[in-house]
Every structure is written in structure tokens, then in C-alpha cells.
Amino acid sequence: QVQLVESGGGLVQPGGSLRLSCAASGMIFSIYGMGWYRQAPGKQRELVARITSGGITNYADSVKGRFTISRDNAKNTVSLQMNSLKPEDTAAYYCNARIGSPFREYWGQGTQVTVSS
């Protein structure tokens, strides 16, 4: 079955950087659209960034210019490089895989990112 395993979360000071990775298995990775979402306490889960199977990316306005999503189809991984982190970026970050229309989607277990001094 499809498994998505995130890694790379942690505690970082404002202005710092983190790189999240998501390792996928049980799927033909290259044909899936992949994404990162986040959920802060008391808030709804929201889109951070997505990348299509063809490599087209889109970002939430709040992270444009600071975050970069990328994928490595040879390694079945999708990454999120996060720079200039702000306290409001604090959340659990989830990897998402999506395919088809209507789509099927899968979620990882999440990794916590805390931005605090």
C-alpha cells in the first residue's frame, strides 16, 4: 500500500531554515502529484506547496519566495526547503500524494516544525 514518511522537522529560530523530506513507497511515484500541507493548533489544514508529475509548482501566498518544493523521481522523494522561517510557520507538516480525477489521495503521518527563539 501507499506509504508516505516525512522527516526533517524540528525546532528552529526565526530566520532559520529547515528541509523536509517525504519518502514514498507502494506507488508509481512519478505519476503522482505531490504536496505539502500544514496544520497549526486550532486551525484547518492548509496547502503549503504542490508539484505536479510534470514538475509544475504552486505555493501558498504566505510562503512564496521563502519555500521551495522539489521532487526526485529516481529516489521517490519530495522535499520542501524552508528559508526565512517565521513563528507563524509553526505547524505539523504533512506530505500528500494525489492522482486521478476525481482524485485519490494519501497522507503521511506529519512532522512538527516549531519556529521560536
C-alpha atoms as a PDB file:
ATOM      1  CA  GLN A   1       0.000   0.000   0.000  1.00  0.00           C
ATOM      2  CA  VAL A   2       0.991   3.625  -0.387  1.00  0.00           C
ATOM      3  CA  GLN A   3       3.198   4.919   2.416  1.00  0.00           C
ATOM      4  CA  LEU A   4       4.476   8.441   2.879  1.00  0.00           C
ATOM      5  CA  VAL A   5       7.070   9.071   5.580  1.00  0.00           C
ATOM      6  CA  GLU A   6       8.102  12.609   6.449  1.00  0.00           C
ATOM      7  CA  SER A   7      11.325  13.650   8.105  1.00  0.00           C
ATOM      8  CA  GLY A   8      13.313  16.793   8.827  1.00  0.00           C
ATOM      9  CA  GLY A   9      11.090  18.681  11.218  1.00  0.00           C
ATOM     10  CA  GLY A  10      12.351  20.287  14.388  1.00  0.00           C
ATOM     11  CA  LEU A  11      12.893  23.467  16.351  1.00  0.00           C
ATOM     12  CA  VAL A  12      14.463  26.425  14.559  1.00  0.00           C
ATOM     13  CA  GLN A  13      14.912  30.095  15.364  1.00  0.00           C
ATOM     14  CA  PRO A  14      13.122  32.784  13.366  1.00  0.00           C
ATOM     15  CA  GLY A  15      15.014  33.470  10.160  1.00  0.00           C
ATOM     16  CA  GLY A  16      16.417  29.963  10.082  1.00  0.00           C
ATOM     17  CA  SER A  17      15.996  27.144   7.585  1.00  0.00           C
ATOM     18  CA  LEU A  18      14.768  23.578   7.554  1.00  0.00           C
ATOM     19  CA  ARG A  19      14.441  20.970   4.842  1.00  0.00           C
ATOM     20  CA  LEU A  20      11.586  18.496   4.991  1.00  0.00           C
ATOM     21  CA  SER A  21      11.647  15.252   3.053  1.00  0.00           C
ATOM     22  CA  CYS A  22       8.943  12.745   2.237  1.00  0.00           C
ATOM     23  CA  ALA A  23       9.824   9.217   1.171  1.00  0.00           C
ATOM     24  CA  ALA A  24       7.130   7.441  -0.811  1.00  0.00           C
ATOM     25  CA  SER A  25       6.644   3.722  -1.330  1.00  0.00           C
ATOM     26  CA  GLY A  26       3.983   1.391  -2.697  1.00  0.00           C
ATOM     27  CA  MET A  27       3.200   3.647  -5.639  1.00  0.00           C
ATOM     28  CA  ILE A  28       4.456   4.683  -9.068  1.00  0.00           C
ATOM     29  CA  PHE A  29       5.808   7.912  -7.651  1.00  0.00           C
ATOM     30  CA  SER A  30       6.468   9.708 -10.923  1.00  0.00           C
ATOM     31  CA  ILE A  31       2.799   9.853 -11.936  1.00  0.00           C
ATOM     32  CA  TYR A  32       1.534  11.354  -8.695  1.00  0.00           C
ATOM     33  CA  GLY A  33       1.111  14.993  -7.880  1.00  0.00           C
ATOM     34  CA  MET A  34       2.793  15.650  -4.554  1.00  0.00           C
ATOM     35  CA  GLY A  35       2.276  18.327  -1.973  1.00  0.00           C
ATOM     36  CA  TRP A  36       2.990  19.672   1.456  1.00  0.00           C
ATOM     37  CA  TYR A  37       0.255  20.863   3.773  1.00  0.00           C
ATOM     38  CA  ARG A  38       0.399  22.170   7.309  1.00  0.00           C
ATOM     39  CA  GLN A  39      -1.898  22.407  10.283  1.00  0.00           C
ATOM     40  CA  ALA A  40      -1.391  24.642  13.267  1.00  0.00           C
ATOM     41  CA  PRO A  41      -3.222  24.027  16.556  1.00  0.00           C
ATOM     42  CA  GLY A  42      -6.837  25.151  16.322  1.00  0.00           C
ATOM     43  CA  LYS A  43      -6.599  25.807  12.592  1.00  0.00           C
ATOM     44  CA  GLN A  44      -7.597  23.948   9.450  1.00  0.00           C
ATOM     45  CA  ARG A  45      -5.049  22.088   7.374  1.00  0.00           C
ATOM     46  CA  GLU A  46      -3.814  24.336   4.579  1.00  0.00           C
ATOM     47  CA  LEU A  47      -1.853  23.966   1.378  1.00  0.00           C
ATOM     48  CA  VAL A  48       1.798  24.984   1.547  1.00  0.00           C
ATOM     49  CA  ALA A  49       3.073  23.869  -1.862  1.00  0.00           C
ATOM     50  CA  ARG A  50       2.323  21.364  -4.595  1.00  0.00           C
ATOM     51  CA  ILE A  51       4.293  19.935  -7.507  1.00  0.00           C
ATOM     52  CA  THR A  52       2.694  18.099 -10.399  1.00  0.00           C
ATOM     53  CA  SER A  53       4.006  14.941 -12.006  1.00  0.00           C
ATOM     54  CA  GLY A  54       5.427  17.215 -14.698  1.00  0.00           C
ATOM     55  CA  GLY A  55       7.208  19.457 -12.213  1.00  0.00           C
ATOM     56  CA  ILE A  56       4.866  22.441 -12.192  1.00  0.00           C
ATOM     57  CA  THR A  57       4.782  24.059  -8.773  1.00  0.00           C
ATOM     58  CA  ASN A  58       2.391  26.283  -6.884  1.00  0.00           C
ATOM     59  CA  TYR A  59       2.684  27.862  -3.452  1.00  0.00           C
ATOM     60  CA  ALA A  60       0.564  29.466  -0.813  1.00  0.00           C
ATOM     61  CA  ASP A  61       0.996  33.230  -0.891  1.00  0.00           C
ATOM     62  CA  SER A  62       2.331  33.143   2.670  1.00  0.00           C
ATOM     63  CA  VAL A  63       5.381  31.068   1.663  1.00  0.00           C
ATOM     64  CA  LYS A  64       6.161  32.333  -1.840  1.00  0.00           C
ATOM     65  CA  GLY A  65       9.780  33.341  -2.137  1.00  0.00           C
ATOM     66  CA  ARG A  66      10.743  31.519   1.064  1.00  0.00           C
ATOM     67  CA  PHE A  67       9.834  27.872   0.449  1.00  0.00           C
ATOM     68  CA  THR A  68      10.772  25.630  -2.468  1.00  0.00           C
ATOM     69  CA  ILE A  69       9.205  22.285  -3.286  1.00  0.00           C
ATOM     70  CA  SER A  70      11.093  19.744  -5.392  1.00  0.00           C
ATOM     71  CA  ARG A  71      10.862  16.099  -6.311  1.00  0.00           C
ATOM     72  CA  ASP A  72      13.326  13.357  -7.172  1.00  0.00           C
ATOM     73  CA  ASN A  73      11.533  10.661  -9.129  1.00  0.00           C
ATOM     74  CA  ALA A  74      14.608   8.409  -9.055  1.00  0.00           C
ATOM     75  CA  LYS A  75      14.536   8.378  -5.249  1.00  0.00           C
ATOM     76  CA  ASN A  76      10.748   8.585  -4.794  1.00  0.00           C
ATOM     77  CA  THR A  77      11.081  11.656  -2.629  1.00  0.00           C
ATOM     78  CA  VAL A  78       9.574  15.107  -2.432  1.00  0.00           C
ATOM     79  CA  SER A  79      11.251  17.840  -0.419  1.00  0.00           C
ATOM     80  CA  LEU A  80      10.362  21.225   0.982  1.00  0.00           C
ATOM     81  CA  GLN A  81      13.185  23.693   1.524  1.00  0.00           C
ATOM     82  CA  MET A  82      12.039  26.302   4.016  1.00  0.00           C
ATOM     83  CA  ASN A  83      14.041  29.503   4.424  1.00  0.00           C
ATOM     84  CA  SER A  84      13.468  32.694   6.385  1.00  0.00           C
ATOM     85  CA  LEU A  85      11.185  30.831   8.745  1.00  0.00           C
ATOM     86  CA  LYS A  86       8.709  32.787  10.840  1.00  0.00           C
ATOM     87  CA  PRO A  87       6.896  31.886  14.057  1.00  0.00           C
ATOM     88  CA  GLU A  88       3.661  31.688  12.060  1.00  0.00           C
ATOM     89  CA  ASP A  89       5.168  28.798  10.079  1.00  0.00           C
ATOM     90  CA  THR A  90       4.927  26.674  13.224  1.00  0.00           C
ATOM     91  CA  ALA A  91       2.712  23.684  12.434  1.00  0.00           C
ATOM     92  CA  ALA A  92       2.604  19.989  11.740  1.00  0.00           C
ATOM     93  CA  TYR A  93       3.631  19.499   8.115  1.00  0.00           C
ATOM     94  CA  TYR A  94       2.071  16.687   6.090  1.00  0.00           C
ATOM     95  CA  CYS A  95       3.115  15.093   2.826  1.00  0.00           C
ATOM     96  CA  ASN A  96       0.329  14.419   0.327  1.00  0.00           C
ATOM     97  CA  ALA A  97       0.136  12.290  -2.809  1.00  0.00           C
ATOM     98  CA  ARG A  98      -2.719  12.722  -5.257  1.00  0.00           C
ATOM     99  CA  ILE A  99      -3.757  11.087  -8.528  1.00  0.00           C
ATOM    100  CA  GLY A 100      -6.721  10.943 -10.844  1.00  0.00           C
ATOM    101  CA  SER A 101      -9.940  12.881 -11.354  1.00  0.00           C
ATOM    102  CA  PRO A 102     -11.803  12.583  -9.073  1.00  0.00           C
ATOM    103  CA  PHE A 103      -8.577  12.185  -7.202  1.00  0.00           C
ATOM    104  CA  ARG A 104      -7.386   9.629  -4.723  1.00  0.00           C
ATOM    105  CA  GLU A 105      -5.038  10.946  -2.123  1.00  0.00           C
ATOM    106  CA  TYR A 106      -2.768   9.703   0.598  1.00  0.00           C
ATOM    107  CA  TRP A 107      -1.229  11.378   3.631  1.00  0.00           C
ATOM    108  CA  GLY A 108       1.874  10.945   5.701  1.00  0.00           C
ATOM    109  CA  GLN A 109       1.854  10.986   9.489  1.00  0.00           C
ATOM    110  CA  GLY A 110       3.242  14.510   9.726  1.00  0.00           C
ATOM    111  CA  THR A 111       6.366  16.140  11.096  1.00  0.00           C
ATOM    112  CA  GLN A 112       6.404  19.035  13.551  1.00  0.00           C
ATOM    113  CA  VAL A 113       8.065  22.325  12.693  1.00  0.00           C
ATOM    114  CA  THR A 114       8.432  24.851  15.504  1.00  0.00           C
ATOM    115  CA  VAL A 115       9.840  28.314  14.846  1.00  0.00           C
ATOM    116  CA  SER A 116      10.711  30.023  18.103  1.00  0.00           C
ATOM    117  CA  SER A 117      13.506  31.914  19.789  1.00  0.00           C
END
